[in-house]
Amino acid sequence: MSKSARPTISDVAKAAKTGKTSISRYLNGEKHLLSDALLARIEQAIAELDYRPSLMARGLKHGRTRLIGLIIADITNPYSVNVLSGIEAACREKGFTPLVCNTNNELDQELHYLDLLRSYQVEGIVVNAVGMREEGLNRLQQSALPMVLIDRKIPEFACDVVGLDNTQAATTATEHLIEQGFEAILFMSEPLGMVNTRRDRLSAFRATLARYPGVIAENAEMPLHEAAQMDNTLRQFHTRHRGMRKAVISANGALTLQVARSLKRIGLNWGSDIGLLGFDELEWAELAGVGITTLKQPTWQIGYAAVEQVVRRIEGITDTVREQVFSGELIVRGSTSR
């Protein structure tokens, strides 16, 4: 065997002066069937060759890979990072290995990774979807793989979902601003598209303010990195309602950062010139100026629960499709205080 070649079970058997059956028994935990002398030779051979059994090959032989595929829309989003922490903890506890694929919010990448994960014979998939088209839906349905969606639903696709109670969370956030005396509120999100979380939060915002006809409700869809457009939108909102108590709700953490940067660029201070409330708790939120009020999602619990549910499906539980929602927590800071 050359030094660059990976040692095989045959190499271990040859070095231990025994057959492959004995090595297989050793690797499968049947050491009681082997003599002490043979055990010692096998252990010495494994150590000298630095032999590592292929877990993939062993898993496939027994019809199991113990792999769970993860398709994440945007791994740079703080929300995704925290969800992944819960996913990893659940996988470790339940004996699975996660394979993480970041689509960067691109539909073509979503389809590519779906095919890739199927080729690796994952036992289940957890998806934070961008918004799959018909082709992707057909592939999912044909694969019959156990799957759980996080945060974003796929239209016309019956599947388990785990995420935030968006209606409750957006209602809580909006009512907080009303209680704080804000008279004009701008709801900002990235382009709605088919992303149900953005649509649900906007819908709850509108429904809440419909009960308060004296409060002005506006909304704007904003690409994440269009700085000039964001500056113009915020400047116009502030000017349009001069003399009124104004606030902005940001629909996710990545957008909150860009809104904060924009307010700095146009010379507005959150807490005094304008209110600011963002979905997702951010590590820097309490340190930014007077602090930014956030709607904290139980992201770790959401990730953990998603793996729990996909493992239930892998193990053969066939009850009806479930939608598991968690409540958010409002963390009030100076950006929305009187």
Protein backbone atom coordinates (compact mmCIF):
# COMPACT_ATOMS: atom_id res chain seq x y z
CA MET A 1 0.00 0.00 0.00
CA SER A 2 1.35 3.44 -0.95
CA LYS A 3 1.62 6.07 1.78
CA SER A 4 -0.94 8.29 0.00
CA ALA A 5 -3.59 5.56 -0.29
CA ARG A 6 -6.26 5.31 2.37
CA PRO A 7 -5.92 2.05 4.31
CA THR A 8 -8.70 -0.48 3.81
CA ILE A 9 -10.17 -3.22 5.96
CA SER A 10 -8.08 -5.69 3.94
CA ASP A 11 -4.91 -3.80 4.88
CA VAL A 12 -5.85 -3.99 8.56
CA ALA A 13 -6.57 -7.73 8.27
CA LYS A 14 -3.21 -8.34 6.60
CA ALA A 15 -1.33 -6.34 9.24
CA ALA A 16 -3.16 -8.13 12.06
CA LYS A 17 -2.58 -11.54 10.44
CA THR A 18 -6.31 -12.38 10.42
CA GLY A 19 -9.31 -12.32 8.10
CA LYS A 20 -11.67 -9.46 7.20
CA THR A 21 -14.47 -11.12 9.16
CA SER A 22 -12.59 -10.62 12.42
CA ILE A 23 -11.95 -6.98 11.58
CA SER A 24 -15.65 -6.47 10.81
CA ARG A 25 -16.61 -8.02 14.13
CA TYR A 26 -14.20 -5.66 15.89
CA LEU A 27 -15.60 -2.59 14.11
CA ASN A 28 -19.20 -3.64 14.75
CA GLY A 29 -18.64 -3.96 18.50
CA GLU A 30 -18.55 -7.79 18.60
CA LYS A 31 -15.23 -7.87 20.42
CA HIS A 32 -16.41 -10.60 22.78
CA LEU A 33 -16.13 -13.02 19.86
CA LEU A 34 -12.39 -12.36 19.51
CA SER A 35 -9.50 -13.60 21.64
CA ASP A 36 -7.44 -11.15 23.69
CA ALA A 37 -4.40 -11.79 21.52
CA LEU A 38 -6.36 -11.13 18.32
CA LEU A 39 -7.88 -7.97 19.81
CA ALA A 40 -4.42 -6.68 20.63
CA ARG A 41 -3.15 -7.35 17.08
CA ILE A 42 -6.17 -5.63 15.50
CA GLU A 43 -5.84 -2.56 17.72
CA GLN A 44 -2.12 -2.35 16.95
CA ALA A 45 -2.75 -2.65 13.21
CA ILE A 46 -5.45 0.05 13.29
CA ALA A 47 -3.15 2.40 15.21
CA GLU A 48 -0.13 1.81 12.96
CA LEU A 49 -2.14 2.24 9.75
CA ASP A 50 -4.20 5.12 11.17
CA TYR A 51 -7.25 3.32 9.82
CA ARG A 52 -10.59 5.19 9.84
CA PRO A 53 -13.67 3.22 8.77
CA SER A 54 -15.94 4.91 6.24
CA LEU A 55 -19.06 5.81 8.16
CA MET A 56 -20.85 6.54 4.87
CA ALA A 57 -20.11 3.08 3.49
CA ARG A 58 -21.10 1.36 6.72
CA GLY A 59 -24.29 3.39 6.88
CA LEU A 60 -25.27 2.60 3.31
CA LYS A 61 -24.64 -1.09 3.94
CA HIS A 62 -27.24 -0.99 6.71
CA GLY A 63 -29.59 1.33 4.82
CA ARG A 64 -28.83 4.36 7.01
CA THR A 65 -26.57 7.36 6.47
CA ARG A 66 -27.56 9.28 9.65
CA LEU A 67 -27.36 12.47 7.56
CA ILE A 68 -29.83 15.35 7.64
CA GLY A 69 -29.61 17.91 4.86
CA LEU A 70 -30.07 21.60 5.62
CA ILE A 71 -30.95 24.13 2.92
CA ILE A 72 -30.52 27.61 4.38
CA ALA A 73 -31.67 30.75 2.53
CA ASP A 74 -28.99 33.09 3.88
CA ILE A 75 -26.31 31.85 6.24
CA THR A 76 -25.05 35.42 6.85
CA ASN A 77 -28.36 36.37 8.47
CA PRO A 78 -28.09 36.35 12.30
CA TYR A 79 -31.43 34.52 12.37
CA SER A 80 -29.96 31.65 10.35
CA VAL A 81 -26.83 31.45 12.49
CA ASN A 82 -28.87 31.08 15.67
CA VAL A 83 -31.25 28.56 14.10
CA LEU A 84 -28.26 26.48 12.97
CA SER A 85 -27.05 26.34 16.56
CA GLY A 86 -30.29 24.66 17.63
CA ILE A 87 -30.20 22.35 14.61
CA GLU A 88 -26.65 21.24 15.38
CA ALA A 89 -27.49 20.57 19.03
CA ALA A 90 -30.49 18.42 18.12
CA CYS A 91 -28.54 16.50 15.47
CA ARG A 92 -25.74 15.77 17.92
CA GLU A 93 -28.18 14.59 20.59
CA LYS A 94 -30.09 12.33 18.19
CA GLY A 95 -27.05 10.86 16.46
CA PHE A 96 -27.31 12.61 13.10
CA THR A 97 -24.80 14.68 11.12
CA PRO A 98 -26.02 17.87 9.42
CA LEU A 99 -24.97 18.75 5.87
CA VAL A 100 -25.40 22.51 5.48
CA CYS A 101 -26.08 24.17 2.10
CA ASN A 102 -26.35 27.97 1.81
CA THR A 103 -28.43 29.14 -1.18
CA ASN A 104 -27.71 32.86 -0.71
CA ASN A 105 -31.41 33.46 -1.49
CA GLU A 106 -30.96 32.12 -5.04
CA LEU A 107 -33.63 29.80 -6.45
CA ASP A 108 -31.24 27.97 -8.81
CA GLN A 109 -28.92 27.19 -5.91
CA GLU A 110 -31.86 25.84 -3.95
CA LEU A 111 -32.60 23.31 -6.73
CA HIS A 112 -28.92 22.42 -7.09
CA TYR A 113 -28.51 21.67 -3.39
CA LEU A 114 -31.72 19.69 -3.27
CA ASP A 115 -30.36 17.34 -5.95
CA LEU A 116 -26.97 17.23 -4.23
CA LEU A 117 -28.44 16.24 -0.87
CA ARG A 118 -30.51 13.51 -2.48
CA SER A 119 -27.34 12.14 -4.10
CA TYR A 120 -25.76 11.94 -0.64
CA GLN A 121 -28.78 9.89 0.44
CA VAL A 122 -29.70 12.08 3.38
CA GLU A 123 -32.47 10.63 5.51
CA GLY A 124 -34.35 13.90 5.85
CA ILE A 125 -34.18 17.58 4.93
CA VAL A 126 -34.73 20.80 6.88
CA VAL A 127 -35.42 23.74 4.55
CA ASN A 128 -35.40 27.48 5.10
CA ALA A 129 -36.88 28.07 1.64
CA VAL A 130 -36.38 30.95 -0.77
CA GLY A 131 -39.59 30.18 -2.64
CA MET A 132 -39.36 27.07 -4.75
CA ARG A 133 -40.82 26.99 -8.23
CA GLU A 134 -42.84 24.13 -9.70
CA GLU A 135 -39.74 22.21 -10.73
CA GLY A 136 -38.43 22.18 -7.19
CA LEU A 137 -41.81 21.17 -5.77
CA ASN A 138 -42.01 18.24 -8.15
CA ARG A 139 -38.56 17.06 -7.12
CA LEU A 140 -39.47 17.24 -3.45
CA GLN A 141 -42.71 15.35 -3.94
CA GLN A 142 -41.00 12.66 -6.00
CA SER A 143 -38.22 12.19 -3.47
CA ALA A 144 -40.68 11.42 -0.66
CA LEU A 145 -37.96 12.46 1.77
CA PRO A 146 -39.05 13.45 5.29
CA MET A 147 -38.86 17.25 5.33
CA VAL A 148 -39.55 20.15 7.67
CA LEU A 149 -39.70 23.81 6.66
CA ILE A 150 -38.33 26.54 8.92
CA ASP A 151 -39.84 30.01 8.91
CA ARG A 152 -40.97 30.11 5.27
CA LYS A 153 -43.75 28.00 3.81
CA ILE A 154 -43.84 26.76 0.22
CA PRO A 155 -47.19 27.56 -1.47
CA GLU A 156 -49.29 24.54 -2.47
CA PHE A 157 -46.94 22.16 -0.66
CA ALA A 158 -48.18 20.22 2.37
CA CYS A 159 -45.26 19.95 4.76
CA ASP A 160 -44.40 20.27 8.45
CA VAL A 161 -43.44 23.84 9.38
CA VAL A 162 -41.66 25.26 12.44
CA GLY A 163 -41.32 28.98 13.01
CA LEU A 164 -42.42 32.18 14.70
CA ASP A 165 -46.04 33.11 15.29
CA ASN A 166 -45.67 36.03 12.89
CA THR A 167 -49.16 37.43 13.40
CA GLN A 168 -48.77 37.54 17.17
CA ALA A 169 -45.25 38.97 16.94
CA ALA A 170 -46.07 41.74 14.47
CA THR A 171 -49.21 42.65 16.41
CA THR A 172 -47.21 42.91 19.65
CA ALA A 173 -44.57 45.09 17.97
CA THR A 174 -47.14 47.41 16.39
CA GLU A 175 -49.20 47.78 19.56
CA HIS A 176 -46.05 48.66 21.48
CA LEU A 177 -45.39 51.57 19.14
CA ILE A 178 -48.97 52.76 19.43
CA GLU A 179 -48.77 52.60 23.23
CA GLN A 180 -45.61 54.70 23.05
CA GLY A 181 -47.52 57.43 21.25
CA PHE A 182 -46.18 57.08 17.72
CA GLU A 183 -48.48 58.74 15.21
CA ALA A 184 -46.95 57.54 11.90
CA ILE A 185 -45.37 54.11 11.44
CA LEU A 186 -43.46 52.79 8.42
CA PHE A 187 -43.19 49.01 7.99
CA MET A 188 -40.09 48.16 5.96
CA SER A 189 -39.32 44.76 4.48
CA GLU A 190 -37.31 43.25 1.70
CA PRO A 191 -39.42 42.60 -1.45
CA LEU A 192 -42.37 40.46 -0.36
CA GLY A 193 -42.29 37.98 -3.26
CA MET A 194 -43.79 34.70 -2.08
CA VAL A 195 -42.11 34.83 1.35
CA ASN A 196 -44.98 34.20 3.74
CA THR A 197 -43.18 35.56 6.81
CA ARG A 198 -42.86 39.02 5.27
CA ARG A 199 -46.45 38.92 4.05
CA ASP A 200 -47.79 37.71 7.41
CA ARG A 201 -45.96 40.41 9.35
CA LEU A 202 -47.13 43.15 7.01
CA SER A 203 -50.69 41.84 7.13
CA ALA A 204 -50.70 41.84 10.95
CA PHE A 205 -49.21 45.36 10.96
CA ARG A 206 -52.01 46.62 8.71
CA ALA A 207 -54.72 44.76 10.64
CA THR A 208 -53.51 46.21 13.94
CA LEU A 209 -53.37 49.79 12.68
CA ALA A 210 -56.81 49.41 11.11
CA ARG A 211 -58.10 49.47 14.69
CA TYR A 212 -56.37 52.82 15.25
CA PRO A 213 -57.53 55.08 12.41
CA GLY A 214 -55.72 58.05 13.93
CA VAL A 215 -52.31 56.46 13.33
CA ILE A 216 -50.76 56.71 9.87
CA ALA A 217 -49.64 53.33 8.45
CA GLU A 218 -47.19 53.06 5.57
CA ASN A 219 -45.07 50.27 4.17
CA ALA A 220 -42.11 50.04 1.81
CA GLU A 221 -40.35 47.10 0.13
CA MET A 222 -36.61 47.59 0.01
CA PRO A 223 -33.78 45.53 -1.52
CA LEU A 224 -31.26 44.90 1.23
CA HIS A 225 -28.28 46.76 -0.24
CA GLU A 226 -29.94 49.64 -2.11
CA ALA A 227 -28.49 52.34 0.15
CA ALA A 228 -29.59 55.36 -1.91
CA GLN A 229 -33.15 54.07 -2.21
CA MET A 230 -33.33 53.39 1.51
CA ASP A 231 -31.93 56.83 2.38
CA ASN A 232 -34.51 58.47 0.14
CA THR A 233 -37.42 56.43 1.53
CA LEU A 234 -36.55 57.19 5.16
CA ARG A 235 -35.83 60.86 4.48
CA GLN A 236 -39.17 61.31 2.70
CA PHE A 237 -41.07 59.49 5.47
CA HIS A 238 -39.50 61.76 8.08
CA THR A 239 -40.21 64.92 6.05
CA ARG A 240 -43.76 63.89 5.13
CA HIS A 241 -44.73 63.62 8.79
CA ARG A 242 -42.72 66.46 10.23
CA GLY A 243 -43.90 67.43 13.70
CA MET A 244 -45.38 63.97 14.36
CA ARG A 245 -43.96 61.13 16.44
CA LYS A 246 -42.67 58.66 13.82
CA ALA A 247 -41.27 55.12 13.91
CA VAL A 248 -39.95 52.41 11.60
CA ILE A 249 -40.52 48.66 11.95
CA SER A 250 -37.87 46.55 10.21
CA ALA A 251 -39.01 43.08 9.17
CA ASN A 252 -35.74 41.23 9.89
CA GLY A 253 -32.32 41.61 11.48
CA ALA A 254 -30.31 42.05 8.29
CA LEU A 255 -32.63 44.88 7.23
CA THR A 256 -32.45 46.49 10.68
CA LEU A 257 -28.71 46.91 10.28
CA GLN A 258 -29.17 48.63 6.92
CA VAL A 259 -31.92 50.89 8.31
CA ALA A 260 -29.65 51.88 11.21
CA ARG A 261 -26.85 52.71 8.79
CA SER A 262 -29.23 54.72 6.61
CA LEU A 263 -30.52 56.76 9.56
CA LYS A 264 -26.92 57.59 10.46
CA ARG A 265 -26.20 58.69 6.89
CA ILE A 266 -29.18 61.05 6.72
CA GLY A 267 -28.59 62.46 10.21
CA LEU A 268 -31.53 61.01 12.14
CA ASN A 269 -31.14 59.58 15.64
CA TRP A 270 -33.32 56.68 16.74
CA GLY A 271 -34.95 57.42 20.06
CA SER A 272 -35.13 61.19 19.57
CA ASP A 273 -35.78 61.96 15.88
CA ILE A 274 -37.47 58.68 14.98
CA GLY A 275 -38.43 55.38 16.58
CA LEU A 276 -36.92 52.07 15.45
CA LEU A 277 -38.07 48.51 16.14
CA GLY A 278 -36.54 45.48 14.44
CA PHE A 279 -37.48 41.83 14.19
CA ASP A 280 -34.69 39.53 15.45
CA GLU A 281 -32.51 40.21 18.48
CA LEU A 282 -29.04 41.38 17.44
CA GLU A 283 -25.91 41.28 19.60
CA TRP A 284 -25.19 44.94 18.91
CA ALA A 285 -28.77 46.20 19.42
CA GLU A 286 -28.28 47.16 23.07
CA LEU A 287 -25.01 48.96 22.26
CA ALA A 288 -26.23 51.09 19.32
CA GLY A 289 -26.96 54.61 20.57
CA VAL A 290 -29.76 54.49 23.14
CA GLY A 291 -30.36 50.85 22.17
CA ILE A 292 -32.72 49.38 19.57
CA THR A 293 -35.98 47.71 20.53
CA THR A 294 -36.23 44.21 19.04
CA LEU A 295 -38.72 41.38 18.64
CA LYS A 296 -36.65 38.39 19.72
CA GLN A 297 -37.36 35.06 18.10
CA PRO A 298 -36.64 31.79 19.96
CA THR A 299 -34.31 30.81 17.12
CA TRP A 300 -32.41 28.06 18.94
CA GLN A 301 -35.68 26.38 19.93
CA ILE A 302 -37.02 26.69 16.38
CA GLY A 303 -33.94 24.92 14.95
CA TYR A 304 -34.05 22.23 17.61
CA ALA A 305 -37.78 21.60 17.10
CA ALA A 306 -37.32 21.32 13.32
CA VAL A 307 -34.81 18.50 13.72
CA GLU A 308 -37.01 16.80 16.32
CA GLN A 309 -39.88 16.79 13.83
CA VAL A 310 -37.87 15.57 10.85
CA VAL A 311 -36.45 12.74 13.00
CA ARG A 312 -40.02 11.78 13.93
CA ARG A 313 -40.77 11.49 10.22
CA ILE A 314 -37.58 9.53 9.56
CA GLU A 315 -38.64 7.09 12.29
CA GLY A 316 -41.95 6.53 10.54
CA ILE A 317 -44.43 8.78 12.36
CA THR A 318 -47.15 9.50 9.79
CA ASP A 319 -49.61 11.76 11.60
CA THR A 320 -51.06 14.82 9.87
CA VAL A 321 -48.90 17.73 8.74
CA ARG A 322 -47.96 19.96 11.69
CA GLU A 323 -47.33 23.68 11.96
CA GLN A 324 -45.47 24.42 15.18
CA VAL A 325 -45.22 28.11 16.06
CA PHE A 326 -43.33 29.86 18.85
CA SER A 327 -44.07 33.19 20.50
CA GLY A 328 -41.62 36.07 20.20
CA GLU A 329 -40.40 38.33 23.02
CA LEU A 330 -40.38 42.11 22.82
CA ILE A 331 -37.18 43.61 24.22
CA VAL A 332 -37.77 47.32 24.78
CA ARG A 333 -34.86 49.76 24.56
CA GLY A 334 -34.36 53.46 24.07
CA SER A 335 -35.23 53.54 20.36
CA THR A 336 -38.97 53.33 21.14
CA SER A 337 -39.15 54.82 24.64
CA ARG A 338 -40.90 58.13 25.33
